[in-house]
Protein backbone atom coordinates (compact mmCIF):
# COMPACT_ATOMS: atom_id res chain seq x y z
CA UNK A 1 10.14 -10.62 -11.65
CA UNK A 2 11.54 -9.18 -8.69
CA UNK A 3 8.92 -6.92 -6.76
CA UNK A 4 9.17 -4.97 -3.39
CA UNK A 5 6.78 -4.94 -1.42
CA UNK A 6 7.33 -2.10 0.51
CA UNK A 7 6.41 -1.31 4.43
CA UNK A 8 4.05 -4.37 4.46
CA UNK A 9 3.79 -6.44 8.09
CA UNK A 10 1.45 -8.47 6.89
CA UNK A 11 2.50 -9.98 3.90
CA UNK A 12 -0.38 -10.35 2.14
CA UNK A 13 0.32 -8.00 -0.91
CA UNK A 14 4.25 -10.54 -1.18
CA UNK A 15 2.45 -13.77 -1.21
CA UNK A 16 0.28 -12.88 -3.70
CA UNK A 17 2.82 -12.22 -6.28
CA UNK A 18 4.71 -15.56 -4.98
CA UNK A 19 1.84 -17.18 -5.50
CA UNK A 20 2.30 -16.55 -9.40
CA UNK A 21 5.55 -16.98 -9.57
CA UNK A 22 7.28 -14.04 -8.76
CA UNK A 23 10.45 -13.87 -6.78
CA UNK A 24 8.39 -11.46 -3.80
CA UNK A 25 9.99 -8.95 -0.75
CA UNK A 26 8.00 -7.94 1.65
CA UNK A 27 10.06 -4.86 4.12
CA UNK A 28 9.61 -3.06 7.07
CA UNK A 29 10.71 -1.98 10.14
CA UNK A 30 8.43 -4.01 12.45
CA UNK A 31 8.57 -8.18 11.56
CA UNK A 32 6.44 -9.88 9.21
CA UNK A 33 3.68 -11.13 10.71
CA UNK A 34 3.51 -14.36 8.33
CA UNK A 35 6.56 -16.28 8.96
CA UNK A 36 6.05 -18.01 5.31
CA UNK A 37 7.96 -15.52 3.14
CA UNK A 38 10.99 -13.31 2.46
CA UNK A 39 11.32 -10.68 4.96
CA UNK A 40 13.70 -7.71 5.38
CA UNK A 41 13.42 -6.03 8.34
CA UNK A 42 14.76 -2.89 8.48
CA UNK A 43 14.52 0.59 6.19
CA UNK A 44 12.99 0.42 2.99
CA UNK A 45 14.99 3.86 1.33
CA UNK A 46 18.49 1.31 1.34
CA UNK A 47 16.55 -1.57 -0.84
CA UNK A 48 16.14 -0.58 -4.49
CA UNK A 49 20.10 -0.38 -5.80
CA UNK A 50 18.96 -4.61 -5.39
CA UNK A 51 17.68 -4.73 -9.24
CA UNK A 52 13.40 -4.91 -8.32
CA UNK A 53 11.38 -4.08 -11.84
CA UNK A 54 8.38 -3.58 -9.07
CA UNK A 55 7.26 -1.97 -5.75
CA UNK A 56 4.80 -1.65 -4.16
CA UNK A 57 4.96 0.64 -1.46
CA UNK A 58 2.28 1.11 1.80
CA UNK A 59 3.49 3.74 3.19
CA UNK A 60 2.33 4.58 6.67
CA UNK A 61 -0.77 7.58 6.48
CA UNK A 62 -0.62 8.26 10.24
CA UNK A 63 0.27 11.74 9.50
CA UNK A 64 -0.75 11.46 5.62
CA UNK A 65 -4.12 10.30 5.85
CA UNK A 66 -7.24 13.59 6.01
CA UNK A 67 -8.96 11.67 8.31
CA UNK A 68 -6.76 12.65 10.70
CA UNK A 69 -6.63 16.22 9.73
CA UNK A 70 -8.08 17.62 12.99
CA UNK A 71 -4.06 16.45 14.62
CA UNK A 72 -2.36 18.12 11.17
CA UNK A 73 -1.82 21.95 13.28
CA UNK A 74 -0.44 19.73 15.86
CA UNK A 75 2.00 17.69 13.66
CA UNK A 76 3.60 19.56 10.81
CA UNK A 77 6.58 18.45 11.20
CA UNK A 78 6.40 15.00 11.69
CA UNK A 79 3.81 15.60 8.53
CA UNK A 80 6.81 16.96 6.07
CA UNK A 81 8.99 14.45 7.51
CA UNK A 82 6.05 11.07 5.51
CA UNK A 83 5.56 13.43 2.50
CA UNK A 84 9.78 13.67 1.89
CA UNK A 85 9.66 9.41 2.47
CA UNK A 86 6.69 9.33 -0.18
CA UNK A 87 8.63 11.54 -2.43
CA UNK A 88 11.24 9.05 -1.91
CA UNK A 89 9.70 6.05 -3.05
CA UNK A 90 7.96 7.70 -5.51
CA UNK A 91 11.60 9.12 -6.75
CA UNK A 92 12.86 5.32 -6.47
CA UNK A 93 15.01 3.65 -9.03
CA UNK A 94 12.47 0.78 -9.73
CA UNK A 95 10.75 1.41 -13.06
CA UNK A 96 7.11 0.38 -12.52
CA UNK A 97 5.69 1.28 -8.57
CA UNK A 98 2.94 1.55 -6.76
CA UNK A 99 1.82 4.26 -3.75
CA UNK A 100 -0.89 3.01 -1.48
CA UNK A 101 -2.56 5.66 0.88
CA UNK A 102 -5.90 6.12 1.87
CA UNK A 103 -7.98 9.39 0.83
CA UNK A 104 -4.93 11.61 1.56
CA UNK A 105 -2.59 14.74 1.76
CA UNK A 106 -0.27 12.89 -0.89
CA UNK A 107 -3.32 14.08 -2.93
CA UNK A 108 -2.86 18.34 -2.28
CA UNK A 109 1.61 18.13 -1.25
CA UNK A 110 1.88 16.08 -4.72
CA UNK A 111 -0.48 15.41 -6.89
CA UNK A 112 -3.06 13.68 -7.93
CA UNK A 113 -3.69 9.74 -7.78
CA UNK A 114 -4.02 8.09 -11.09
CA UNK A 115 -7.36 6.14 -8.98
CA UNK A 116 -9.32 5.51 -6.08
CA UNK A 117 -10.82 2.13 -5.50
CA UNK A 118 -12.60 0.13 -3.01
CA UNK A 119 -12.38 -3.05 -2.14
CA UNK A 120 -15.97 -4.01 -2.72
CA UNK A 121 -14.48 -4.00 -6.39
CA UNK A 122 -12.28 -6.84 -5.18
CA UNK A 123 -14.58 -9.15 -3.66
CA UNK A 124 -15.00 -7.54 -0.05
CA UNK A 125 -18.80 -5.96 1.74
CA UNK A 126 -16.56 -3.24 2.72
CA UNK A 127 -15.69 0.70 1.96
CA UNK A 128 -12.60 2.01 1.78
CA UNK A 129 -11.35 4.78 -0.13
CA UNK A 130 -7.71 3.91 -1.27
CA UNK A 131 -5.53 5.77 -3.87
CA UNK A 132 -3.13 4.59 -6.56
CA UNK A 133 -0.08 6.50 -7.37
CA UNK A 134 1.43 4.13 -10.10
CA UNK A 135 4.56 4.73 -12.57
CA UNK A 136 4.54 2.57 -15.36
CA UNK A 137 1.58 0.42 -13.97
CA UNK A 138 -2.12 0.43 -15.30
CA UNK A 139 -5.23 1.05 -13.47
CA UNK A 140 -6.27 -1.64 -11.78
CA UNK A 141 -9.24 -3.13 -13.51
CA UNK A 142 -12.16 -4.74 -10.27
CA UNK A 143 -12.85 -8.15 -10.56
CA UNK A 144 -15.38 -8.76 -8.61
CA UNK A 145 -18.17 -6.80 -7.56
CA UNK A 146 -20.02 -7.33 -4.86
CA UNK A 147 -22.82 -5.34 -2.84
CA UNK A 148 -23.26 -4.94 1.41
CA UNK A 149 -20.83 -2.72 1.22
CA UNK A 150 -20.54 -1.88 4.88
CA UNK A 151 -18.17 0.89 6.64
CA UNK A 152 -16.53 -1.85 8.81
CA UNK A 153 -12.31 -0.60 8.28
CA UNK A 154 -13.51 3.31 9.74
CA UNK A 155 -15.97 1.88 12.20
CA UNK A 156 -13.29 -0.27 14.29
CA UNK A 157 -13.72 0.90 18.91
CA UNK A 158 -10.25 2.25 19.15
CA UNK A 159 -7.82 -0.17 20.25
CA UNK A 160 -4.31 -1.07 20.27
CA UNK A 161 -3.93 -2.69 17.26
CA UNK A 162 -6.09 -0.22 15.33
CA UNK A 163 -3.71 0.81 13.16
CA UNK A 164 -2.24 -2.15 12.76
CA UNK A 165 -6.19 -3.91 11.54
CA UNK A 166 -6.66 -0.90 9.83
CA UNK A 167 -3.72 -1.35 7.23
CA UNK A 168 -3.84 -4.61 6.04
CA UNK A 169 -4.51 -4.56 2.51
CA UNK A 170 -7.09 -6.73 1.10
CA UNK A 171 -6.83 -10.35 0.00
CA UNK A 172 -8.93 -9.30 -3.12
CA UNK A 173 -6.89 -6.19 -4.14
CA UNK A 174 -3.33 -7.99 -3.51
CA UNK A 175 -4.64 -10.31 -5.49
CA UNK A 176 -6.14 -8.07 -8.53
CA UNK A 177 -2.44 -6.24 -8.48
CA UNK A 178 -0.02 -9.35 -8.77
CA UNK A 179 -2.76 -10.76 -11.50
CA UNK A 180 -3.27 -7.92 -13.45
CA UNK A 181 0.56 -6.14 -12.60
CA UNK A 182 2.52 -9.38 -12.59
CA UNK A 183 1.86 -10.28 -15.72
CA UNK A 184 3.32 -7.03 -17.52
CA UNK A 185 6.70 -7.73 -19.19
């Protein structure tokens, strides 16, 4: 299966699919942290016509996540552009699509998510509500429910790279995507 992992600089989701024998490519304006797999640095919207079977997209949440709601009134233009980008991702001519984002205005401006998952359902002892908007994909089934749930991601102290650390996909979630969605025909 050919999988486009949109807006991913970490390579985590891409590598989960590659480890299961798929042709997966990450694409982001940023360079990829992991140089071990294929990565396109550039505009993902220009890559849609390349015969992808699936796209998993992680659009930037800076202007979408409700955790930043107190600043929404000052960035209406940016939020509008972010919503337009999500709509373009959702309308991509790709048979199977998953859009991943935290609790955000996508729910009120476009539509409610098909599923909300937590890292603790996939082997990580943390909380971080993650919404999935799905097209022709089943909901993810939990693979390893753990206790010791901590809100570590939310409590990260301010830093230059906080956004980067908060935006990474947990390996257990990436593995579940690859295992459960990679077997679809």
